[in-house]
Amino acid sequence: MVSRIFLIGYMGCGKSTLGVALAKSLGWMFADMDQLFEEKHQCSISEYFQRYGESGFRQAEHDLLRETSDVHQIVYATGGGMPCFYDNMAHMNASGLTIYLRLPAAALCRRLAGGKQHRPLIADKSDGELLDFIAHKLCDREPFYNQAHLIIDDDGSLSVQGYVNIIRAADELKGVASNHASSDI
């Protein structure tokens, strides 16, 4: 039976927002891997990137995944690139249920345009460059994301409760008990 869920997808797809709601629906814990990273390293991801570069960040992110993925009854929101480095995707698939929240580049661009300064990979992109950057990165990452056990397609209009309903109905979650199932998320 499934005892942990990893939400994957590009930055801005809604992993953290959905993760909180899904965990509440299942009566499980929630953990945002980016937040865990910042707490462990006592600095923001942007600061870590500046100090150690992307390769240093990806190694530390990989280590964090290994350290935390033995907890049960938990929903993890992963960093957008986490599935794409080392054996992270295979590890998550072997450790729990992976769910890819797939949105088109244009929908992601709309969501990310206002908060670029908090995301090191897109902080220096103009609004015009952002769409091309996202489309290119999605193309690179899709082979990893598509290894997820469950893929949910969204054009940007699906509500959080809609996602929760789809996930709760998935065969992989049949029989997972919930003490907190509600529709007022």
Protein backbone atom coordinates (compact mmCIF):
# COMPACT_ATOMS: atom_id res chain seq x y z
CA MET A 1 0.00 0.00 0.00
CA VAL A 2 1.21 3.52 -0.77
CA SER A 3 2.67 5.28 2.26
CA ARG A 4 4.33 8.29 0.65
CA ILE A 5 3.58 10.50 -2.35
CA PHE A 6 6.03 12.62 -4.33
CA LEU A 7 4.51 15.48 -6.33
CA ILE A 8 6.73 16.39 -9.27
CA GLY A 9 6.60 18.92 -12.07
CA TYR A 10 8.04 22.20 -13.22
CA MET A 11 8.30 25.14 -10.84
CA GLY A 12 4.99 26.94 -10.50
CA CYS A 13 2.82 23.93 -11.33
CA GLY A 14 1.28 23.91 -7.85
CA LYS A 15 3.11 21.10 -6.06
CA SER A 16 3.26 22.85 -2.68
CA THR A 17 -0.30 24.16 -2.76
CA LEU A 18 -1.66 20.77 -3.81
CA GLY A 19 0.61 18.94 -1.38
CA VAL A 20 -0.88 20.72 1.63
CA ALA A 21 -4.44 19.98 0.47
CA LEU A 22 -3.72 16.36 -0.47
CA ALA A 23 -1.98 15.65 2.84
CA LYS A 24 -4.94 17.13 4.71
CA SER A 25 -7.35 15.02 2.66
CA LEU A 26 -5.39 11.85 3.46
CA GLY A 27 -4.72 12.73 7.08
CA TRP A 28 -0.98 12.62 6.32
CA MET A 29 1.95 14.97 6.89
CA PHE A 30 3.22 17.37 4.23
CA ALA A 31 6.80 18.40 3.49
CA ASP A 32 8.08 20.87 0.91
CA MET A 33 11.55 19.69 -0.12
CA ASP A 34 12.68 23.25 -0.93
CA GLN A 35 11.66 24.40 2.54
CA LEU A 36 13.39 21.39 4.15
CA PHE A 37 16.50 22.25 2.13
CA GLU A 38 16.52 25.85 3.33
CA GLU A 39 15.99 24.80 6.95
CA LYS A 40 18.79 22.24 6.78
CA HIS A 41 21.29 24.58 5.12
CA GLN A 42 20.11 27.74 6.90
CA CYS A 43 20.03 29.79 3.72
CA SER A 44 17.75 30.31 0.75
CA ILE A 45 18.09 28.17 -2.34
CA SER A 46 19.14 31.32 -4.22
CA GLU A 47 21.97 31.89 -1.73
CA TYR A 48 23.02 28.23 -1.94
CA PHE A 49 23.10 28.49 -5.75
CA GLN A 50 25.32 31.58 -5.52
CA ARG A 51 27.75 29.88 -3.14
CA TYR A 52 27.94 26.38 -4.62
CA GLY A 53 26.47 26.57 -8.12
CA GLU A 54 23.79 24.35 -9.57
CA SER A 55 25.90 21.18 -9.32
CA GLY A 56 26.49 21.75 -5.60
CA PHE A 57 22.79 22.40 -5.09
CA ARG A 58 21.75 19.27 -7.00
CA GLN A 59 24.10 17.09 -4.93
CA ALA A 60 22.77 18.54 -1.67
CA GLU A 61 19.19 18.15 -2.93
CA HIS A 62 19.92 14.50 -3.80
CA ASP A 63 21.34 13.91 -0.32
CA LEU A 64 18.24 15.46 1.26
CA LEU A 65 15.95 13.18 -0.75
CA ARG A 66 17.84 10.14 0.53
CA GLU A 67 17.71 11.41 4.11
CA THR A 68 13.97 12.11 4.14
CA SER A 69 12.30 9.53 1.91
CA ASP A 70 11.84 6.86 4.56
CA VAL A 71 9.05 8.73 6.38
CA HIS A 72 5.59 7.16 6.05
CA GLN A 73 2.19 8.78 5.48
CA ILE A 74 3.65 11.90 3.94
CA VAL A 75 3.18 13.97 0.80
CA TYR A 76 6.35 15.59 -0.56
CA ALA A 77 6.41 18.57 -2.91
CA THR A 78 9.73 18.19 -4.72
CA GLY A 79 11.84 20.86 -6.32
CA GLY A 80 11.17 21.13 -10.05
CA GLY A 81 14.56 19.74 -11.05
CA MET A 82 14.83 17.07 -8.38
CA PRO A 83 13.55 14.18 -10.57
CA CYS A 84 16.06 15.03 -13.31
CA PHE A 85 19.34 14.49 -11.49
CA TYR A 86 21.22 11.43 -10.30
CA ASP A 87 18.86 8.49 -9.71
CA ASN A 88 16.29 10.65 -7.93
CA MET A 89 13.32 9.69 -10.11
CA ALA A 90 14.03 5.96 -9.81
CA HIS A 91 14.44 6.37 -6.06
CA MET A 92 11.12 8.21 -5.71
CA ASN A 93 9.34 5.64 -7.89
CA ALA A 94 10.70 2.83 -5.73
CA SER A 95 9.87 4.64 -2.48
CA GLY A 96 6.32 5.80 -3.13
CA LEU A 97 3.74 7.07 -5.59
CA THR A 98 5.02 9.75 -7.97
CA ILE A 99 2.53 12.18 -9.48
CA TYR A 100 3.47 14.56 -12.31
CA LEU A 101 1.44 17.78 -12.44
CA ARG A 102 1.73 18.60 -16.15
CA LEU A 103 0.92 22.12 -17.32
CA PRO A 104 1.80 23.73 -20.66
CA ALA A 105 4.64 26.26 -20.80
CA ALA A 106 2.27 29.20 -21.33
CA ALA A 107 0.31 28.41 -18.15
CA LEU A 108 3.54 28.03 -16.17
CA CYS A 109 4.84 31.31 -17.57
CA ARG A 110 1.70 33.14 -16.40
CA ARG A 111 2.09 31.69 -12.91
CA LEU A 112 5.82 32.43 -12.62
CA ALA A 113 6.08 35.88 -14.18
CA GLY A 114 5.37 37.76 -10.95
CA GLY A 115 7.73 35.87 -8.64
CA LYS A 116 10.88 35.40 -10.70
CA GLN A 117 13.17 37.06 -8.15
CA HIS A 118 12.65 34.15 -5.73
CA ARG A 119 13.61 31.48 -8.28
CA PRO A 120 17.30 31.39 -9.20
CA LEU A 121 16.89 29.65 -12.56
CA ILE A 122 14.57 32.36 -13.92
CA ALA A 123 15.45 35.45 -11.85
CA ASP A 124 17.38 37.08 -14.70
CA LYS A 125 14.88 36.29 -17.48
CA SER A 126 12.77 39.01 -19.07
CA ASP A 127 9.09 38.21 -19.49
CA GLY A 128 9.81 37.63 -23.17
CA GLU A 129 12.62 35.17 -22.45
CA LEU A 130 10.68 33.33 -19.76
CA LEU A 131 8.30 31.42 -22.05
CA ASP A 132 11.13 30.17 -24.28
CA PHE A 133 13.19 29.18 -21.25
CA ILE A 134 10.31 27.23 -19.69
CA ALA A 135 9.47 25.49 -22.97
CA HIS A 136 13.11 24.45 -23.42
CA LYS A 137 13.46 23.22 -19.82
CA LEU A 138 10.19 21.28 -20.05
CA CYS A 139 11.48 19.56 -23.18
CA ASP A 140 14.64 18.55 -21.28
CA ARG A 141 12.77 17.41 -18.18
CA GLU A 142 9.77 15.63 -19.72
CA PRO A 143 11.61 12.29 -20.09
CA PHE A 144 12.10 12.26 -16.31
CA TYR A 145 8.70 13.66 -15.37
CA ASN A 146 6.97 11.17 -17.67
CA GLN A 147 8.32 8.29 -15.57
CA ALA A 148 5.82 9.20 -12.85
CA HIS A 149 3.25 6.61 -11.82
CA LEU A 150 0.41 9.09 -12.40
CA ILE A 151 0.33 12.08 -14.76
CA ILE A 152 -2.34 14.76 -14.40
CA ASP A 153 -2.75 17.12 -17.34
CA ASP A 154 -4.00 20.62 -16.60
CA ASP A 155 -4.33 23.72 -18.74
CA GLY A 156 -4.10 25.88 -15.64
CA SER A 157 -7.80 25.80 -14.82
CA LEU A 158 -8.00 22.73 -12.57
CA SER A 159 -8.75 23.62 -8.94
CA VAL A 160 -6.82 22.23 -6.02
CA GLN A 161 -9.89 20.22 -5.03
CA GLY A 162 -10.10 18.92 -8.62
CA TYR A 163 -6.54 17.62 -8.33
CA VAL A 164 -7.27 16.06 -4.94
CA ASN A 165 -10.35 14.30 -6.35
CA ILE A 166 -8.38 12.91 -9.31
CA ILE A 167 -5.58 11.65 -7.08
CA ARG A 168 -7.93 10.16 -4.48
CA ALA A 169 -9.69 8.25 -7.28
CA ALA A 170 -6.44 6.79 -8.66
CA ASP A 171 -6.11 3.03 -8.44
CA GLU A 172 -2.79 3.47 -6.61
CA LEU A 173 -4.60 5.12 -3.69
CA LYS A 174 -7.53 2.76 -3.41
CA GLY A 175 -7.80 1.66 0.19
CA VAL A 176 -5.67 4.46 1.62
CA ALA A 177 -7.57 5.48 4.72
CA SER A 178 -8.32 9.06 5.58
CA ASN A 179 -9.41 10.54 8.83
CA HIS A 180 -9.72 14.01 7.36
CA ALA A 181 -11.44 13.60 3.99
CA SER A 182 -13.36 16.76 3.27
CA SER A 183 -14.35 18.90 0.36
CA ASP A 184 -13.65 22.24 2.06
CA ILE A 185 -9.98 22.41 1.14
